Amino acid sequence: MNEQNAAAHPDGKFLVRVARAEELEAAGRIARDAYLLDGMIEGDNAYADMLADAATRAAAPGVDVLVAVATTGPQAGTVAGTITVAEAGSALADICLPGELELRMLGVDHAFRGRGLGEFLMWESVYQARKRGLTAVLSLVTGNDKAARLYQRMNFERVPSRDWDIPEIPELGTMLVYSALPTASPSA
């Protein structure tokens, strides 16, 4: 995805595209704060640091940091949400296999919640996977019921045989794996 392939939110007030260099700090803050404020992680830890470091993610080959940017009103140009997508074999791919694109680190700034931006970022990521001939996959922190409901609403399929643990970050618990079905789409 690039500037020319940016996607407009249905209400026309947001655009999803690859983050610009000057937006990476905000993207990292949003990802970290979303996990902290939603109670998925606590305090300073290695994963909070990784979430905050969108610049390193964006610099990695095979990885894109996408942002939802406000396009109208006094908040025009403000980064409102983010998601990272990683190809198999890239530095950010924890679970994806050849033929898959891993969706990571979804976060929406709390000031912009309730506008469907998380779901829109997810749909755009699934669309990007399909454009590349890939299937979208993701891991979910155990207990993140809100995100689990979103993935179920989007017709993602649970793949329990691929659930995994991160020994370096035990506070996350078992990561639950989901895969976008070939028929998953906003109209499905």
N, C-alpha and C. Protein backbone atom coordinates (compact mmCIF):
# COMPACT_ATOMS: atom_id res chain seq x y z
N MET A 1 0.86 -1.18 0.00
CA MET A 1 0.00 0.00 0.00
C MET A 1 0.90 1.23 0.00
N ASN A 2 0.57 2.19 -0.82
CA ASN A 2 1.31 3.44 -0.83
C ASN A 2 0.31 4.59 -0.88
N GLU A 3 0.83 5.82 -1.00
CA GLU A 3 -0.05 7.00 -1.00
C GLU A 3 -1.13 6.89 -2.08
N GLN A 4 -0.77 6.38 -3.25
CA GLN A 4 -1.72 6.27 -4.35
C GLN A 4 -2.79 5.21 -4.08
N ASN A 5 -2.48 4.25 -3.20
CA ASN A 5 -3.43 3.19 -2.89
C ASN A 5 -4.15 3.41 -1.57
N ALA A 6 -4.14 4.62 -1.06
CA ALA A 6 -4.79 4.91 0.20
C ALA A 6 -6.28 4.62 0.09
N ALA A 7 -6.87 4.21 1.21
CA ALA A 7 -8.29 3.87 1.23
C ALA A 7 -9.04 4.83 2.15
N ALA A 8 -10.16 5.34 1.69
CA ALA A 8 -10.97 6.27 2.47
C ALA A 8 -11.97 5.51 3.33
N HIS A 9 -12.09 5.92 4.58
CA HIS A 9 -13.09 5.38 5.51
C HIS A 9 -14.47 5.70 4.96
N PRO A 10 -15.47 4.86 5.22
CA PRO A 10 -16.81 5.11 4.69
C PRO A 10 -17.39 6.48 5.03
N ASP A 11 -17.02 7.06 6.18
CA ASP A 11 -17.57 8.38 6.50
C ASP A 11 -16.78 9.51 5.83
N GLY A 12 -15.69 9.15 5.11
CA GLY A 12 -14.90 10.14 4.40
C GLY A 12 -14.00 10.98 5.27
N LYS A 13 -13.95 10.71 6.57
CA LYS A 13 -13.19 11.54 7.49
C LYS A 13 -11.81 10.98 7.83
N PHE A 14 -11.49 9.79 7.30
CA PHE A 14 -10.21 9.16 7.58
C PHE A 14 -9.69 8.47 6.33
N LEU A 15 -8.37 8.36 6.26
CA LEU A 15 -7.70 7.71 5.14
C LEU A 15 -6.72 6.71 5.72
N VAL A 16 -6.66 5.49 5.18
CA VAL A 16 -5.67 4.50 5.61
C VAL A 16 -4.61 4.39 4.53
N ARG A 17 -3.35 4.48 4.97
CA ARG A 17 -2.21 4.38 4.06
C ARG A 17 -0.97 4.02 4.87
N VAL A 18 0.14 3.80 4.16
CA VAL A 18 1.41 3.55 4.83
C VAL A 18 1.83 4.82 5.57
N ALA A 19 2.33 4.65 6.78
CA ALA A 19 2.75 5.79 7.60
C ALA A 19 3.94 6.50 6.98
N ARG A 20 3.91 7.81 7.07
CA ARG A 20 5.05 8.64 6.69
C ARG A 20 6.01 8.68 7.87
N ALA A 21 7.27 9.00 7.60
CA ALA A 21 8.30 9.03 8.66
C ALA A 21 7.87 9.88 9.84
N GLU A 22 7.28 11.03 9.57
CA GLU A 22 6.89 11.94 10.66
C GLU A 22 5.67 11.45 11.44
N GLU A 23 5.03 10.38 10.99
CA GLU A 23 3.85 9.82 11.67
C GLU A 23 4.18 8.61 12.52
N LEU A 24 5.40 8.10 12.42
CA LEU A 24 5.75 6.86 13.09
C LEU A 24 5.76 6.98 14.61
N GLU A 25 6.18 8.11 15.13
CA GLU A 25 6.16 8.28 16.58
C GLU A 25 4.72 8.21 17.11
N ALA A 26 3.80 8.87 16.42
CA ALA A 26 2.39 8.83 16.84
C ALA A 26 1.83 7.42 16.70
N ALA A 27 2.18 6.73 15.62
CA ALA A 27 1.70 5.35 15.43
C ALA A 27 2.18 4.45 16.56
N GLY A 28 3.43 4.60 16.95
CA GLY A 28 3.95 3.79 18.06
C GLY A 28 3.28 4.12 19.38
N ARG A 29 3.07 5.40 19.64
CA ARG A 29 2.40 5.81 20.87
C ARG A 29 0.98 5.25 20.92
N ILE A 30 0.28 5.33 19.79
CA ILE A 30 -1.10 4.83 19.75
C ILE A 30 -1.15 3.34 20.00
N ALA A 31 -0.27 2.58 19.36
CA ALA A 31 -0.25 1.12 19.57
C ALA A 31 0.04 0.80 21.03
N ARG A 32 1.09 1.42 21.60
CA ARG A 32 1.45 1.16 23.00
C ARG A 32 0.31 1.55 23.94
N ASP A 33 -0.22 2.75 23.76
CA ASP A 33 -1.27 3.23 24.66
C ASP A 33 -2.53 2.38 24.57
N ALA A 34 -2.87 1.93 23.38
CA ALA A 34 -4.05 1.07 23.24
C ALA A 34 -3.90 -0.20 24.08
N TYR A 35 -2.74 -0.82 24.01
CA TYR A 35 -2.50 -2.04 24.79
C TYR A 35 -2.47 -1.74 26.29
N LEU A 36 -1.84 -0.64 26.67
CA LEU A 36 -1.77 -0.28 28.09
C LEU A 36 -3.14 0.10 28.64
N LEU A 37 -3.83 1.00 27.95
CA LEU A 37 -5.11 1.50 28.45
C LEU A 37 -6.21 0.44 28.44
N ASP A 38 -6.08 -0.54 27.53
CA ASP A 38 -7.05 -1.63 27.49
C ASP A 38 -6.68 -2.79 28.41
N GLY A 39 -5.57 -2.65 29.14
CA GLY A 39 -5.17 -3.66 30.12
C GLY A 39 -4.57 -4.91 29.52
N MET A 40 -4.14 -4.88 28.28
CA MET A 40 -3.54 -6.07 27.67
C MET A 40 -2.10 -6.26 28.13
N ILE A 41 -1.44 -5.16 28.48
CA ILE A 41 -0.10 -5.20 29.07
C ILE A 41 -0.09 -4.21 30.22
N GLU A 42 0.88 -4.36 31.12
CA GLU A 42 0.97 -3.47 32.27
C GLU A 42 2.36 -2.88 32.36
N GLY A 43 2.44 -1.59 32.59
CA GLY A 43 3.70 -0.92 32.87
C GLY A 43 4.71 -1.00 31.75
N ASP A 44 5.93 -0.66 32.11
CA ASP A 44 7.02 -0.73 31.14
C ASP A 44 7.50 -2.16 31.02
N ASN A 45 7.56 -2.64 29.80
CA ASN A 45 8.07 -3.99 29.54
C ASN A 45 8.56 -4.05 28.10
N ALA A 46 9.15 -5.16 27.74
CA ALA A 46 9.73 -5.31 26.40
C ALA A 46 8.68 -5.16 25.31
N TYR A 47 7.47 -5.65 25.54
CA TYR A 47 6.46 -5.56 24.49
C TYR A 47 5.95 -4.13 24.35
N ALA A 48 5.81 -3.40 25.44
CA ALA A 48 5.41 -1.99 25.36
C ALA A 48 6.44 -1.21 24.56
N ASP A 49 7.72 -1.51 24.79
CA ASP A 49 8.78 -0.85 24.02
C ASP A 49 8.67 -1.19 22.54
N MET A 50 8.38 -2.45 22.22
CA MET A 50 8.24 -2.87 20.82
C MET A 50 7.05 -2.18 20.17
N LEU A 51 5.94 -2.09 20.89
CA LEU A 51 4.76 -1.41 20.36
C LEU A 51 5.06 0.06 20.05
N ALA A 52 5.82 0.70 20.91
CA ALA A 52 6.12 2.13 20.76
C ALA A 52 7.10 2.40 19.62
N ASP A 53 7.85 1.40 19.20
CA ASP A 53 8.91 1.60 18.22
C ASP A 53 8.44 1.32 16.79
N ALA A 54 7.52 2.12 16.31
CA ALA A 54 7.01 1.95 14.94
C ALA A 54 8.07 2.24 13.89
N ALA A 55 9.05 3.08 14.21
CA ALA A 55 10.09 3.41 13.24
C ALA A 55 10.92 2.18 12.88
N THR A 56 11.28 1.38 13.88
CA THR A 56 12.04 0.15 13.60
C THR A 56 11.19 -0.82 12.78
N ARG A 57 9.89 -0.93 13.12
CA ARG A 57 9.01 -1.81 12.33
C ARG A 57 8.97 -1.35 10.89
N ALA A 58 8.76 -0.07 10.68
CA ALA A 58 8.61 0.47 9.32
C ALA A 58 9.88 0.29 8.49
N ALA A 59 11.03 0.26 9.14
CA ALA A 59 12.30 0.12 8.42
C ALA A 59 12.61 -1.32 8.04
N ALA A 60 11.90 -2.28 8.61
CA ALA A 60 12.18 -3.69 8.35
C ALA A 60 11.65 -4.12 6.98
N PRO A 61 12.45 -4.82 6.20
CA PRO A 61 11.97 -5.33 4.90
C PRO A 61 10.76 -6.24 5.09
N GLY A 62 9.77 -6.10 4.22
CA GLY A 62 8.58 -6.93 4.27
C GLY A 62 7.56 -6.51 5.31
N VAL A 63 7.74 -5.32 5.90
CA VAL A 63 6.84 -4.83 6.95
C VAL A 63 6.33 -3.45 6.56
N ASP A 64 5.02 -3.23 6.74
CA ASP A 64 4.43 -1.91 6.56
C ASP A 64 3.70 -1.52 7.83
N VAL A 65 3.88 -0.28 8.25
CA VAL A 65 3.09 0.30 9.33
C VAL A 65 2.03 1.16 8.64
N LEU A 66 0.77 0.77 8.80
CA LEU A 66 -0.34 1.52 8.22
C LEU A 66 -0.92 2.45 9.27
N VAL A 67 -1.44 3.57 8.83
CA VAL A 67 -2.09 4.51 9.74
C VAL A 67 -3.44 4.93 9.17
N ALA A 68 -4.36 5.23 10.08
CA ALA A 68 -5.62 5.90 9.74
C ALA A 68 -5.42 7.35 10.13
N VAL A 69 -5.55 8.25 9.15
CA VAL A 69 -5.30 9.67 9.37
C VAL A 69 -6.59 10.45 9.16
N ALA A 70 -6.89 11.35 10.09
CA ALA A 70 -8.06 12.22 9.94
C ALA A 70 -7.85 13.14 8.75
N THR A 71 -8.91 13.34 7.96
CA THR A 71 -8.79 14.14 6.74
C THR A 71 -9.59 15.44 6.77
N THR A 72 -10.41 15.64 7.79
CA THR A 72 -11.25 16.84 7.83
C THR A 72 -11.20 17.50 9.20
N GLY A 73 -11.65 18.73 9.24
CA GLY A 73 -11.80 19.46 10.49
C GLY A 73 -10.49 19.82 11.15
N PRO A 74 -10.57 20.24 12.40
CA PRO A 74 -9.38 20.69 13.11
C PRO A 74 -8.37 19.56 13.37
N GLN A 75 -8.82 18.30 13.27
CA GLN A 75 -7.92 17.17 13.51
C GLN A 75 -7.32 16.63 12.21
N ALA A 76 -7.54 17.29 11.09
CA ALA A 76 -6.99 16.83 9.81
C ALA A 76 -5.48 16.64 9.94
N GLY A 77 -5.01 15.51 9.45
CA GLY A 77 -3.59 15.19 9.51
C GLY A 77 -3.18 14.43 10.75
N THR A 78 -4.10 14.29 11.71
CA THR A 78 -3.80 13.57 12.96
C THR A 78 -3.89 12.07 12.74
N VAL A 79 -2.88 11.34 13.22
CA VAL A 79 -2.90 9.88 13.17
C VAL A 79 -3.89 9.41 14.23
N ALA A 80 -4.90 8.66 13.80
CA ALA A 80 -5.96 8.21 14.70
C ALA A 80 -5.87 6.73 15.04
N GLY A 81 -5.18 5.95 14.20
CA GLY A 81 -5.06 4.52 14.43
C GLY A 81 -3.92 3.95 13.62
N THR A 82 -3.55 2.71 13.95
CA THR A 82 -2.43 2.07 13.27
C THR A 82 -2.55 0.55 13.30
N ILE A 83 -1.91 -0.08 12.37
CA ILE A 83 -1.74 -1.54 12.35
C ILE A 83 -0.46 -1.82 11.57
N THR A 84 0.22 -2.88 11.96
CA THR A 84 1.44 -3.30 11.27
C THR A 84 1.14 -4.60 10.54
N VAL A 85 1.61 -4.70 9.29
CA VAL A 85 1.46 -5.93 8.51
C VAL A 85 2.85 -6.44 8.16
N ALA A 86 3.06 -7.75 8.29
CA ALA A 86 4.38 -8.34 8.10
C ALA A 86 4.28 -9.58 7.22
N GLU A 87 5.14 -9.65 6.22
CA GLU A 87 5.19 -10.81 5.34
C GLU A 87 5.96 -11.95 6.01
N ALA A 88 5.68 -13.17 5.60
CA ALA A 88 6.40 -14.34 6.11
C ALA A 88 7.89 -14.14 5.90
N GLY A 89 8.66 -14.49 6.92
CA GLY A 89 10.11 -14.36 6.86
C GLY A 89 10.63 -13.01 7.27
N SER A 90 9.77 -12.02 7.46
CA SER A 90 10.23 -10.70 7.89
C SER A 90 10.49 -10.71 9.40
N ALA A 91 11.17 -9.68 9.84
CA ALA A 91 11.53 -9.58 11.26
C ALA A 91 10.32 -9.52 12.19
N LEU A 92 9.18 -9.08 11.70
CA LEU A 92 7.98 -8.95 12.53
C LEU A 92 7.01 -10.10 12.38
N ALA A 93 7.33 -11.07 11.57
CA ALA A 93 6.43 -12.21 11.36
C ALA A 93 6.70 -13.27 12.43
N ASP A 94 5.78 -13.37 13.37
CA ASP A 94 5.91 -14.39 14.42
C ASP A 94 5.24 -15.69 14.03
N ILE A 95 4.11 -15.61 13.34
CA ILE A 95 3.33 -16.83 13.10
C ILE A 95 3.02 -17.10 11.64
N CYS A 96 3.20 -16.11 10.76
CA CYS A 96 2.73 -16.33 9.40
C CYS A 96 3.67 -17.26 8.64
N LEU A 97 3.05 -18.05 7.82
CA LEU A 97 3.73 -19.03 6.99
C LEU A 97 3.76 -18.50 5.56
N PRO A 98 4.55 -19.10 4.69
CA PRO A 98 4.50 -18.67 3.28
C PRO A 98 3.04 -18.66 2.80
N GLY A 99 2.68 -17.62 2.08
CA GLY A 99 1.31 -17.48 1.61
C GLY A 99 0.41 -16.70 2.56
N GLU A 100 1.00 -16.16 3.63
CA GLU A 100 0.22 -15.42 4.62
C GLU A 100 0.83 -14.04 4.86
N LEU A 101 0.01 -13.13 5.38
CA LEU A 101 0.44 -11.81 5.82
C LEU A 101 -0.04 -11.67 7.26
N GLU A 102 0.88 -11.37 8.16
CA GLU A 102 0.55 -11.27 9.59
C GLU A 102 0.13 -9.85 9.95
N LEU A 103 -1.00 -9.72 10.62
CA LEU A 103 -1.51 -8.44 11.09
C LEU A 103 -1.13 -8.29 12.55
N ARG A 104 -0.51 -7.17 12.89
CA ARG A 104 0.04 -6.99 14.22
C ARG A 104 -0.27 -5.60 14.76
N MET A 105 -0.30 -5.51 16.07
CA MET A 105 -0.23 -4.24 16.79
C MET A 105 -1.30 -3.23 16.38
N LEU A 106 -2.53 -3.68 16.28
CA LEU A 106 -3.66 -2.80 15.98
C LEU A 106 -3.91 -1.89 17.18
N GLY A 107 -4.09 -0.62 16.90
CA GLY A 107 -4.42 0.32 17.97
C GLY A 107 -5.13 1.54 17.41
N VAL A 108 -6.11 2.02 18.15
CA VAL A 108 -6.83 3.24 17.80
C VAL A 108 -6.70 4.19 18.99
N ASP A 109 -6.33 5.43 18.70
CA ASP A 109 -6.23 6.45 19.74
C ASP A 109 -7.57 6.54 20.46
N HIS A 110 -7.54 6.58 21.77
CA HIS A 110 -8.78 6.60 22.54
C HIS A 110 -9.68 7.78 22.17
N ALA A 111 -9.11 8.87 21.73
CA ALA A 111 -9.92 10.03 21.32
C ALA A 111 -10.73 9.76 20.06
N PHE A 112 -10.35 8.72 19.31
CA PHE A 112 -11.03 8.41 18.05
C PHE A 112 -11.81 7.09 18.10
N ARG A 113 -11.93 6.52 19.27
CA ARG A 113 -12.65 5.24 19.38
C ARG A 113 -14.13 5.44 19.11
N GLY A 114 -14.78 4.34 18.72
CA GLY A 114 -16.21 4.37 18.47
C GLY A 114 -16.59 4.81 17.07
N ARG A 115 -15.62 4.94 16.19
CA ARG A 115 -15.88 5.38 14.82
C ARG A 115 -15.63 4.29 13.79
N GLY A 116 -15.35 3.08 14.27
CA GLY A 116 -15.11 1.96 13.36
C GLY A 116 -13.72 1.92 12.75
N LEU A 117 -12.78 2.67 13.32
CA LEU A 117 -11.44 2.72 12.74
C LEU A 117 -10.67 1.42 12.90
N GLY A 118 -10.82 0.74 14.03
CA GLY A 118 -10.14 -0.54 14.22
C GLY A 118 -10.58 -1.55 13.17
N GLU A 119 -11.88 -1.64 12.98
CA GLU A 119 -12.41 -2.57 11.98
C GLU A 119 -11.98 -2.14 10.57
N PHE A 120 -11.98 -0.86 10.30
CA PHE A 120 -11.57 -0.38 8.98
C PHE A 120 -10.09 -0.70 8.72
N LEU A 121 -9.24 -0.49 9.72
CA LEU A 121 -7.83 -0.86 9.57
C LEU A 121 -7.67 -2.36 9.32
N MET A 122 -8.47 -3.15 10.02
CA MET A 122 -8.42 -4.60 9.80
C MET A 122 -8.84 -4.95 8.38
N TRP A 123 -9.97 -4.39 7.91
CA TRP A 123 -10.43 -4.71 6.55
C TRP A 123 -9.40 -4.30 5.51
N GLU A 124 -8.78 -3.14 5.70
CA GLU A 124 -7.77 -2.70 4.74
C GLU A 124 -6.55 -3.62 4.76
N SER A 125 -6.20 -4.15 5.92
CA SER A 125 -5.09 -5.09 6.01
C SER A 125 -5.42 -6.41 5.33
N VAL A 126 -6.64 -6.88 5.53
CA VAL A 126 -7.08 -8.11 4.85
C VAL A 126 -7.08 -7.88 3.34
N TYR A 127 -7.55 -6.72 2.91
CA TYR A 127 -7.55 -6.39 1.49
C TYR A 127 -6.13 -6.37 0.93
N GLN A 128 -5.20 -5.79 1.69
CA GLN A 128 -3.80 -5.76 1.24
C GLN A 128 -3.25 -7.17 1.11
N ALA A 129 -3.59 -8.04 2.04
CA ALA A 129 -3.15 -9.43 1.95
C ALA A 129 -3.69 -10.06 0.66
N ARG A 130 -4.96 -9.88 0.41
CA ARG A 130 -5.58 -10.49 -0.78
C ARG A 130 -4.98 -9.94 -2.07
N LYS A 131 -4.68 -8.63 -2.08
CA LYS A 131 -4.06 -8.04 -3.28
C LYS A 131 -2.70 -8.69 -3.57
N ARG A 132 -2.04 -9.16 -2.53
CA ARG A 132 -0.74 -9.81 -2.68
C ARG A 132 -0.89 -11.32 -2.87
N GLY A 133 -2.12 -11.81 -2.90
CA GLY A 133 -2.36 -13.24 -3.04
C GLY A 133 -2.10 -14.01 -1.75
N LEU A 134 -2.24 -13.32 -0.60
CA LEU A 134 -1.94 -13.91 0.70
C LEU A 134 -3.19 -14.00 1.57
N THR A 135 -3.12 -14.80 2.60
CA THR A 135 -4.18 -14.91 3.60
C THR A 135 -3.72 -14.15 4.85
N ALA A 136 -4.59 -13.35 5.41
CA ALA A 136 -4.27 -12.59 6.62
C ALA A 136 -4.40 -13.50 7.85
N VAL A 137 -3.40 -13.42 8.73
CA VAL A 137 -3.42 -14.14 10.01
C VAL A 137 -3.03 -13.19 11.12
N LEU A 138 -3.42 -13.52 12.35
CA LEU A 138 -3.06 -12.67 13.48
C LEU A 138 -3.07 -13.47 14.76
N SER A 139 -2.38 -12.93 15.76
CA SER A 139 -2.40 -13.46 17.12
C SER A 139 -3.17 -12.49 17.99
N LEU A 140 -3.85 -13.04 18.96
CA LEU A 140 -4.64 -12.23 19.89
C LEU A 140 -4.25 -12.56 21.31
N VAL A 141 -4.01 -11.53 22.11
CA VAL A 141 -3.70 -11.73 23.52
C VAL A 141 -4.92 -12.36 24.19
N THR A 142 -4.70 -13.45 24.93
CA THR A 142 -5.78 -14.10 25.66
C THR A 142 -6.49 -13.08 26.55
N GLY A 143 -7.80 -13.11 26.54
CA GLY A 143 -8.58 -12.21 27.38
C GLY A 143 -8.98 -10.92 26.71
N ASN A 144 -8.53 -10.69 25.48
CA ASN A 144 -8.93 -9.47 24.77
C ASN A 144 -10.25 -9.74 24.07
N ASP A 145 -11.31 -9.76 24.87
CA ASP A 145 -12.63 -10.14 24.36
C ASP A 145 -13.16 -9.17 23.32
N LYS A 146 -12.86 -7.89 23.47
CA LYS A 146 -13.33 -6.89 22.50
C LYS A 146 -12.77 -7.19 21.11
N ALA A 147 -11.47 -7.45 21.03
CA ALA A 147 -10.86 -7.78 19.73
C ALA A 147 -11.39 -9.11 19.21
N ALA A 148 -11.58 -10.09 20.10
CA ALA A 148 -12.11 -11.39 19.67
C ALA A 148 -13.49 -11.22 19.02
N ARG A 149 -14.32 -10.36 19.60
CA ARG A 149 -15.64 -10.10 19.00
C ARG A 149 -15.51 -9.46 17.62
N LEU A 150 -14.55 -8.54 17.47
CA LEU A 150 -14.32 -7.92 16.17
C LEU A 150 -13.92 -8.98 15.15
N TYR A 151 -12.98 -9.85 15.49
CA TYR A 151 -12.51 -10.86 14.53
C TYR A 151 -13.63 -11.85 14.20
N GLN A 152 -14.46 -12.18 15.16
CA GLN A 152 -15.60 -13.06 14.88
C GLN A 152 -16.59 -12.36 13.96
N ARG A 153 -16.85 -11.08 14.20
CA ARG A 153 -17.76 -10.32 13.35
C ARG A 153 -17.22 -10.24 11.91
N MET A 154 -15.90 -10.21 11.78
CA MET A 154 -15.26 -10.14 10.47
C MET A 154 -15.10 -11.53 9.82
N ASN A 155 -15.65 -12.55 10.47
CA ASN A 155 -15.59 -13.92 9.96
C ASN A 155 -14.18 -14.52 9.95
N PHE A 156 -13.31 -14.04 10.84
CA PHE A 156 -12.02 -14.69 11.01
C PHE A 156 -12.27 -16.05 11.66
N GLU A 157 -11.41 -16.99 11.36
CA GLU A 157 -11.54 -18.34 11.90
C GLU A 157 -10.45 -18.56 12.94
N ARG A 158 -10.82 -19.11 14.10
CA ARG A 158 -9.82 -19.49 15.11
C ARG A 158 -9.04 -20.69 14.61
N VAL A 159 -7.74 -20.69 14.85
CA VAL A 159 -6.87 -21.80 14.46
C VAL A 159 -6.12 -22.25 15.71
N PRO A 160 -6.80 -22.96 16.62
CA PRO A 160 -6.19 -23.34 17.90
C PRO A 160 -4.90 -24.13 17.76
N SER A 161 -4.76 -24.89 16.71
CA SER A 161 -3.54 -25.69 16.53
C SER A 161 -2.30 -24.82 16.36
N ARG A 162 -2.48 -23.53 16.09
CA ARG A 162 -1.35 -22.62 15.91
C ARG A 162 -1.15 -21.66 17.08
N ASP A 163 -1.96 -21.78 18.14
CA ASP A 163 -1.78 -20.94 19.33
C ASP A 163 -0.36 -21.11 19.84
N TRP A 164 0.18 -20.06 20.48
CA TRP A 164 1.57 -20.10 20.89
C TRP A 164 1.82 -19.20 22.09
N ASP A 165 2.98 -19.37 22.71
CA ASP A 165 3.39 -18.57 23.85
C ASP A 165 4.68 -17.85 23.50
N ILE A 166 4.91 -16.70 24.13
CA ILE A 166 6.13 -15.95 23.93
C ILE A 166 6.94 -16.05 25.22
N PRO A 167 7.95 -16.93 25.25
CA PRO A 167 8.70 -17.13 26.50
C PRO A 167 9.32 -15.84 27.05
N GLU A 168 9.73 -14.92 26.15
CA GLU A 168 10.37 -13.68 26.59
C GLU A 168 9.37 -12.70 27.20
N ILE A 169 8.08 -12.88 26.93
CA ILE A 169 7.06 -11.95 27.44
C ILE A 169 5.90 -12.78 28.03
N PRO A 170 6.16 -13.47 29.14
CA PRO A 170 5.14 -14.36 29.69
C PRO A 170 3.86 -13.65 30.12
N GLU A 171 3.94 -12.33 30.39
CA GLU A 171 2.75 -11.61 30.84
C GLU A 171 1.65 -11.56 29.77
N LEU A 172 2.00 -11.82 28.52
CA LEU A 172 0.99 -11.84 27.46
C LEU A 172 0.15 -13.11 27.49
N GLY A 173 0.67 -14.18 28.07
CA GLY A 173 -0.06 -15.45 28.10
C GLY A 173 -0.07 -16.10 26.72
N THR A 174 -0.96 -17.06 26.54
CA THR A 174 -1.06 -17.76 25.26
C THR A 174 -1.67 -16.84 24.22
N MET A 175 -1.04 -16.80 23.07
CA MET A 175 -1.52 -16.01 21.95
C MET A 175 -2.46 -16.89 21.12
N LEU A 176 -3.65 -16.39 20.85
CA LEU A 176 -4.66 -17.13 20.10
C LEU A 176 -4.56 -16.73 18.63
N VAL A 177 -4.52 -17.71 17.74
CA VAL A 177 -4.32 -17.43 16.32
C VAL A 177 -5.65 -17.46 15.58
N TYR A 178 -5.82 -16.47 14.68
CA TYR A 178 -6.98 -16.33 13.81
C TYR A 178 -6.51 -16.19 12.37
N SER A 179 -7.35 -16.63 11.46
CA SER A 179 -7.06 -16.51 10.03
C SER A 179 -8.29 -15.96 9.32
N ALA A 180 -8.05 -15.05 8.37
CA ALA A 180 -9.16 -14.54 7.55
C ALA A 180 -9.57 -15.64 6.58
N LEU A 181 -10.84 -15.89 6.50
CA LEU A 181 -11.34 -16.88 5.57
C LEU A 181 -11.30 -16.29 4.15
N PRO A 182 -11.16 -17.12 3.14
CA PRO A 182 -11.15 -16.61 1.77
C PRO A 182 -12.40 -15.78 1.44
N THR A 183 -13.52 -16.07 2.11
CA THR A 183 -14.76 -15.34 1.81
C THR A 183 -14.99 -14.15 2.73
N ALA A 184 -14.07 -13.91 3.69
CA ALA A 184 -14.28 -12.81 4.62
C ALA A 184 -14.23 -11.47 3.88
N SER A 185 -15.28 -10.70 4.02
CA SER A 185 -15.33 -9.38 3.43
C SER A 185 -16.40 -8.58 4.17
N PRO A 186 -16.40 -7.27 4.03
CA PRO A 186 -17.41 -6.50 4.75
C PRO A 186 -18.84 -6.91 4.41
N SER A 187 -19.06 -7.48 3.25
CA SER A 187 -20.42 -7.85 2.86
C SER A 187 -20.73 -9.30 3.13
N ALA A 188 -19.76 -10.07 3.63
CA ALA A 188 -20.01 -11.51 3.87
C ALA A 188 -20.87 -11.74 5.09
